[in-house]
N, C-alpha and C. Protein backbone atom coordinates (compact mmCIF):
# COMPACT_ATOMS: atom_id res chain seq x y z
N ARG A 1 14.95 -14.32 -1.79
CA ARG A 1 16.02 -13.62 -1.62
C ARG A 1 15.49 -12.15 -2.65
N ILE A 2 14.88 -12.24 -3.67
CA ILE A 2 14.40 -11.19 -4.47
C ILE A 2 13.29 -10.51 -3.74
N ASN A 3 12.39 -11.15 -3.09
CA ASN A 3 11.41 -10.59 -2.47
C ASN A 3 11.95 -9.70 -1.15
N ALA A 4 13.10 -10.46 -0.45
CA ALA A 4 13.44 -9.60 0.58
C ALA A 4 13.92 -8.43 0.27
N GLU A 5 14.81 -8.54 -1.05
CA GLU A 5 15.53 -7.06 -1.41
C GLU A 5 14.34 -6.09 -1.64
N ILE A 6 13.36 -6.45 -2.52
CA ILE A 6 12.46 -5.36 -2.59
C ILE A 6 12.01 -5.10 -1.33
N ARG A 7 11.42 -5.68 -0.50
CA ARG A 7 10.70 -5.53 0.71
C ARG A 7 11.74 -4.68 1.31
N ASP A 8 13.12 -4.99 1.60
CA ASP A 8 13.95 -3.97 2.37
C ASP A 8 14.06 -2.60 1.53
N GLU A 9 14.08 -2.64 0.40
CA GLU A 9 14.24 -1.42 -0.22
C GLU A 9 13.08 -0.46 -0.13
N THR A 10 11.58 -1.15 -0.19
CA THR A 10 10.79 -0.34 0.37
C THR A 10 10.53 0.16 1.65
N PHE A 11 11.18 -0.52 2.80
CA PHE A 11 11.43 -0.09 4.04
C PHE A 11 12.23 1.23 3.85
N GLN A 12 13.32 0.99 3.35
CA GLN A 12 14.18 2.12 3.36
C GLN A 12 13.54 3.56 2.84
N TRP A 13 12.83 3.19 1.62
CA TRP A 13 11.83 4.29 0.82
C TRP A 13 11.06 4.93 2.01
N LEU A 14 10.16 3.95 2.77
CA LEU A 14 9.32 4.56 3.91
C LEU A 14 10.09 5.06 4.76
N ASP A 15 11.03 4.91 5.09
CA ASP A 15 11.90 5.41 6.33
C ASP A 15 12.51 6.89 5.80
N ARG A 16 12.98 7.09 4.57
CA ARG A 16 13.33 8.19 4.23
C ARG A 16 12.41 9.15 3.93
N ASN A 17 10.98 8.71 3.60
CA ASN A 17 9.98 9.64 3.23
C ASN A 17 9.10 9.82 4.75
N GLY A 18 9.57 9.54 5.99
CA GLY A 18 8.86 9.40 7.16
C GLY A 18 7.55 8.89 7.46
N HIS A 19 7.42 7.78 6.78
CA HIS A 19 6.05 6.91 6.92
C HIS A 19 6.30 5.97 8.02
N SER A 20 5.26 5.49 8.66
CA SER A 20 5.30 4.49 9.67
C SER A 20 4.65 3.25 9.23
N TYR A 21 5.32 2.13 9.86
CA TYR A 21 4.94 0.79 9.26
C TYR A 21 5.45 -0.07 10.26
N ILE A 22 4.79 -1.20 10.36
CA ILE A 22 5.05 -2.30 11.18
C ILE A 22 6.03 -3.42 10.31
N PRO A 23 7.38 -3.32 10.24
CA PRO A 23 7.94 -4.13 9.36
C PRO A 23 7.60 -5.77 9.83
N SER A 24 8.24 -6.47 8.59
CA SER A 24 8.00 -7.99 8.82
C SER A 24 9.12 -8.52 7.94
N VAL A 25 9.18 -9.92 8.09
CA VAL A 25 10.16 -10.71 7.44
C VAL A 25 9.35 -11.48 6.36
N SER A 26 8.07 -11.28 6.01
CA SER A 26 7.17 -11.93 5.25
C SER A 26 7.12 -11.14 3.82
N ASN A 27 5.91 -11.73 3.11
CA ASN A 27 5.83 -10.80 1.72
C ASN A 27 4.73 -9.82 1.98
N CYS A 28 4.46 -9.27 3.39
CA CYS A 28 3.37 -8.16 3.58
C CYS A 28 3.90 -7.36 4.81
N PHE A 29 3.39 -6.26 5.03
CA PHE A 29 3.65 -5.43 6.18
C PHE A 29 2.63 -4.29 6.44
N MET A 30 2.52 -3.73 7.43
CA MET A 30 1.44 -2.83 7.93
C MET A 30 1.86 -1.54 7.75
N LEU A 31 1.09 -0.86 6.89
CA LEU A 31 1.44 0.81 6.74
C LEU A 31 0.57 1.47 7.67
N ASP A 32 1.07 2.44 8.50
CA ASP A 32 0.34 3.38 9.14
C ASP A 32 0.10 4.61 8.50
N THR A 33 -1.18 4.80 8.05
CA THR A 33 -1.79 5.82 7.30
C THR A 33 -1.76 7.11 8.10
N LYS A 34 -2.00 7.25 9.09
CA LYS A 34 -2.14 8.52 10.24
C LYS A 34 -3.23 8.87 9.78
N GLN A 35 -4.37 8.25 9.37
CA GLN A 35 -6.00 8.72 8.82
C GLN A 35 -6.66 7.45 8.53
N PRO A 36 -7.90 7.39 8.39
CA PRO A 36 -8.66 6.21 8.15
C PRO A 36 -7.95 5.51 6.93
N ALA A 37 -7.58 4.44 6.90
CA ALA A 37 -7.09 3.73 6.18
C ALA A 37 -7.99 3.40 4.91
N LYS A 38 -9.25 3.12 5.10
CA LYS A 38 -10.11 2.92 4.05
C LYS A 38 -10.25 4.04 2.84
N GLU A 39 -9.83 5.23 3.59
CA GLU A 39 -9.81 6.50 2.63
C GLU A 39 -8.48 6.32 1.66
N VAL A 40 -7.54 5.95 2.39
CA VAL A 40 -6.08 5.75 1.64
C VAL A 40 -6.17 4.77 0.74
N ILE A 41 -6.78 3.53 1.06
CA ILE A 41 -7.15 2.51 0.19
C ILE A 41 -7.99 2.86 -0.99
N ALA A 42 -9.05 3.77 -0.59
CA ALA A 42 -9.84 4.17 -2.00
C ALA A 42 -8.98 5.13 -2.85
N ALA A 43 -8.16 6.10 -2.20
CA ALA A 43 -7.27 6.83 -3.14
C ALA A 43 -6.31 6.28 -3.94
N MET A 44 -5.74 5.07 -3.28
CA MET A 44 -4.79 4.53 -4.18
C MET A 44 -5.56 3.61 -5.19
N ALA A 45 -6.71 2.95 -4.91
CA ALA A 45 -7.35 2.20 -5.78
C ALA A 45 -7.73 3.21 -7.35
N GLY A 46 -7.92 4.56 -6.94
CA GLY A 46 -8.27 5.42 -7.98
C GLY A 46 -6.90 5.79 -8.82
N GLN A 47 -5.69 5.24 -8.36
CA GLN A 47 -4.46 5.52 -9.13
C GLN A 47 -4.02 3.95 -9.73
N ASN A 48 -5.04 3.18 -9.62
CA ASN A 48 -4.91 1.58 -9.95
C ASN A 48 -3.62 0.96 -9.16
N VAL A 49 -3.77 1.23 -8.02
CA VAL A 49 -2.78 0.53 -6.90
C VAL A 49 -3.49 0.15 -5.89
N PHE A 50 -3.81 -1.14 -5.82
CA PHE A 50 -4.68 -1.80 -4.96
C PHE A 50 -3.86 -2.32 -3.82
N ILE A 51 -4.03 -1.84 -2.78
CA ILE A 51 -3.33 -2.18 -1.30
C ILE A 51 -4.58 -3.02 -0.49
N GLY A 52 -4.12 -3.63 0.45
CA GLY A 52 -4.67 -4.63 1.34
C GLY A 52 -5.77 -4.10 1.89
N ARG A 53 -6.38 -4.80 3.02
CA ARG A 53 -7.47 -4.61 3.83
C ARG A 53 -7.01 -3.87 5.24
N ILE A 54 -7.87 -3.61 5.93
CA ILE A 54 -7.69 -2.99 7.28
C ILE A 54 -8.14 -3.99 8.45
N TRP A 55 -7.86 -3.85 9.48
CA TRP A 55 -8.66 -4.58 10.73
C TRP A 55 -9.30 -3.51 11.61
N PRO A 56 -10.48 -3.94 12.20
CA PRO A 56 -11.01 -2.86 13.09
C PRO A 56 -10.36 -2.29 14.36
N VAL A 57 -9.58 -3.13 14.58
CA VAL A 57 -8.68 -2.72 15.91
C VAL A 57 -7.60 -1.68 15.34
N MET A 58 -7.11 -1.70 14.07
CA MET A 58 -6.32 -0.94 13.57
C MET A 58 -6.61 -0.14 12.30
N PRO A 59 -7.56 0.66 12.53
CA PRO A 59 -8.30 1.68 11.81
C PRO A 59 -7.34 2.52 10.51
N THR A 60 -5.92 2.93 11.32
CA THR A 60 -5.11 3.70 10.28
C THR A 60 -4.03 2.82 9.68
N TYR A 61 -4.07 1.50 9.62
CA TYR A 61 -3.04 0.74 9.18
C TYR A 61 -3.80 -0.12 8.04
N ALA A 62 -3.13 -0.16 6.80
CA ALA A 62 -3.40 -0.91 5.59
C ALA A 62 -2.38 -1.85 5.55
N ARG A 63 -2.84 -3.19 5.15
CA ARG A 63 -1.85 -4.22 4.87
C ARG A 63 -1.31 -4.10 3.28
N ILE A 64 -0.12 -4.09 3.22
CA ILE A 64 0.68 -3.95 1.75
C ILE A 64 1.25 -5.27 1.71
N THR A 65 1.06 -5.93 0.34
CA THR A 65 1.80 -6.97 -0.28
C THR A 65 2.79 -6.70 -0.82
N VAL A 66 3.85 -7.21 -0.56
CA VAL A 66 5.16 -6.79 -1.34
C VAL A 66 4.99 -7.60 -2.71
N GLY A 67 5.27 -6.74 -3.90
CA GLY A 67 5.00 -7.23 -5.20
C GLY A 67 6.75 -7.19 -5.94
N THR A 68 6.43 -6.93 -7.04
CA THR A 68 7.78 -6.89 -8.17
C THR A 68 8.42 -5.32 -7.77
N ARG A 69 9.60 -5.23 -8.23
CA ARG A 69 10.02 -3.95 -7.83
C ARG A 69 9.41 -2.77 -8.64
N GLU A 70 8.86 -3.20 -9.86
CA GLU A 70 7.87 -2.16 -10.67
C GLU A 70 6.72 -1.78 -9.83
N GLU A 71 6.16 -2.82 -9.17
CA GLU A 71 4.79 -2.70 -8.44
C GLU A 71 4.96 -1.85 -7.38
N MET A 72 6.14 -1.91 -6.71
CA MET A 72 6.47 -1.34 -5.54
C MET A 72 6.76 0.30 -5.84
N ASN A 73 7.51 0.37 -6.98
CA ASN A 73 7.88 1.82 -7.40
C ASN A 73 6.46 2.37 -7.59
N GLN A 74 5.52 1.93 -8.46
CA GLN A 74 4.03 2.17 -8.71
C GLN A 74 3.23 2.55 -7.09
N PHE A 75 3.47 1.70 -6.45
CA PHE A 75 2.94 2.12 -4.99
C PHE A 75 3.57 3.11 -4.29
N GLN A 76 4.84 3.35 -4.49
CA GLN A 76 5.60 4.56 -3.82
C GLN A 76 5.09 5.66 -4.54
N ALA A 77 4.93 5.76 -5.60
CA ALA A 77 4.59 7.10 -6.42
C ALA A 77 3.25 7.34 -6.08
N ALA A 78 2.45 6.27 -6.01
CA ALA A 78 0.96 6.71 -5.78
C ALA A 78 0.78 7.06 -4.06
N LEU A 79 1.67 6.53 -3.29
CA LEU A 79 1.44 6.56 -1.58
C LEU A 79 1.83 7.96 -1.79
N GLN A 80 2.99 8.59 -2.41
CA GLN A 80 3.31 9.83 -2.02
C GLN A 80 2.38 11.12 -2.49
N LYS A 81 1.52 10.71 -3.61
CA LYS A 81 0.76 11.64 -4.11
C LYS A 81 -0.56 11.85 -2.98
N VAL A 82 -1.12 10.58 -2.63
CA VAL A 82 -2.12 10.54 -1.59
C VAL A 82 -1.70 10.94 -0.38
N MET A 83 -0.61 10.89 0.30
CA MET A 83 -0.09 11.41 1.64
C MET A 83 0.21 12.90 1.34
N LYS A 84 0.36 13.34 0.28
CA LYS A 84 0.46 14.68 0.25
C LYS A 84 -0.56 15.53 -0.33
N GLY A 85 -1.82 14.68 -0.24
CA GLY A 85 -3.18 15.46 -0.67
C GLY A 85 -3.15 15.57 -2.24
N ALA A 86 -2.38 15.14 -2.98
CA ALA A 86 -2.47 15.52 -4.35
C ALA A 86 -3.68 14.72 -5.16
N VAL A 87 -4.11 13.54 -4.31
CA VAL A 87 -5.10 12.77 -5.05
C VAL A 87 -6.17 12.93 -4.10
N VAL A 88 -7.35 13.13 -4.71
CA VAL A 88 -8.69 13.17 -3.97
C VAL A 88 -9.17 11.97 -3.63
N VAL A 89 -9.64 11.76 -2.24
CA VAL A 89 -10.08 10.66 -1.69
C VAL A 89 -11.81 10.43 -2.36
N GLY A 90 -11.85 9.25 -2.97
CA GLY A 90 -13.23 9.08 -3.44
C GLY A 90 -13.71 7.83 -2.81
N LYS A 91 -14.80 7.50 -3.39
CA LYS A 91 -15.61 6.14 -2.98
C LYS A 91 -15.38 5.28 -3.93
N VAL A 92 -14.01 4.74 -4.24
CA VAL A 92 -13.86 4.15 -5.17
C VAL A 92 -13.80 2.58 -4.59
N GLN A 93 -14.17 1.68 -5.28
CA GLN A 93 -14.36 0.13 -4.88
C GLN A 93 -13.17 -0.58 -5.38
N PRO A 94 -12.30 -1.45 -4.46
CA PRO A 94 -11.33 -2.31 -5.37
C PRO A 94 -11.84 -3.20 -6.25
N ASP A 95 -10.96 -3.37 -7.09
CA ASP A 95 -11.25 -4.21 -8.36
C ASP A 95 -11.25 -5.62 -7.83
N PRO A 96 -12.40 -6.11 -8.08
CA PRO A 96 -12.67 -7.55 -7.33
C PRO A 96 -11.82 -8.77 -8.05
N ARG A 97 -11.19 -8.43 -9.28
CA ARG A 97 -10.41 -9.31 -9.95
C ARG A 97 -8.90 -9.46 -9.24
N THR A 98 -8.57 -8.69 -7.88
CA THR A 98 -7.44 -8.57 -7.34
C THR A 98 -7.50 -9.07 -5.84
N ILE A 99 -6.24 -9.14 -5.45
CA ILE A 99 -6.22 -9.42 -4.26
C ILE A 99 -4.98 -8.67 -3.54
N ASP A 100 -4.77 -7.71 -2.93
CA ASP A 100 -3.91 -6.73 -2.44
C ASP A 100 -2.93 -6.23 -3.63
N GLY A 101 -3.76 -5.98 -4.59
CA GLY A 101 -3.05 -5.35 -5.86
C GLY A 101 -2.57 -6.41 -7.08
N PHE A 102 -2.83 -7.90 -6.59
CA PHE A 102 -2.40 -8.61 -7.57
C PHE A 102 -3.57 -9.13 -8.49
N ILE A 103 -3.49 -9.23 -9.69
CA ILE A 103 -4.72 -9.74 -10.35
C ILE A 103 -4.79 -11.21 -10.47
N LEU A 104 -6.12 -11.65 -10.27
CA LEU A 104 -6.10 -12.95 -10.02
C LEU A 104 -6.50 -13.62 -11.45
N PRO A 105 -5.90 -14.97 -11.27
CA PRO A 105 -5.82 -15.63 -12.48
C PRO A 105 -7.40 -15.80 -13.10
N SER A 106 -7.83 -15.83 -14.39
CA SER A 106 -9.13 -15.91 -15.10
C SER A 106 -9.55 -17.32 -14.89
């Protein structure tokens, strides 16, 4: 129930801010970045927000895993900066300790 609420709040935020995505009823969804998703993934990582991977057949889409409310607020703030061009896209490598932004146990 909590995950569904956070996911739906995220979808509402994406809708209000004009972002395209493929909704789901699971704990993840696909975000259309409208540009090479690899660049958006790198820019988000530069803000310590680690989002998922892409698929070659969908090069402008990134997989987003729904996290806690705080994590999704961080995602929204970082995405807003990236999509407005306020963050320079760099060659940042994702943190190997994470999967879709969640830190793996040691």
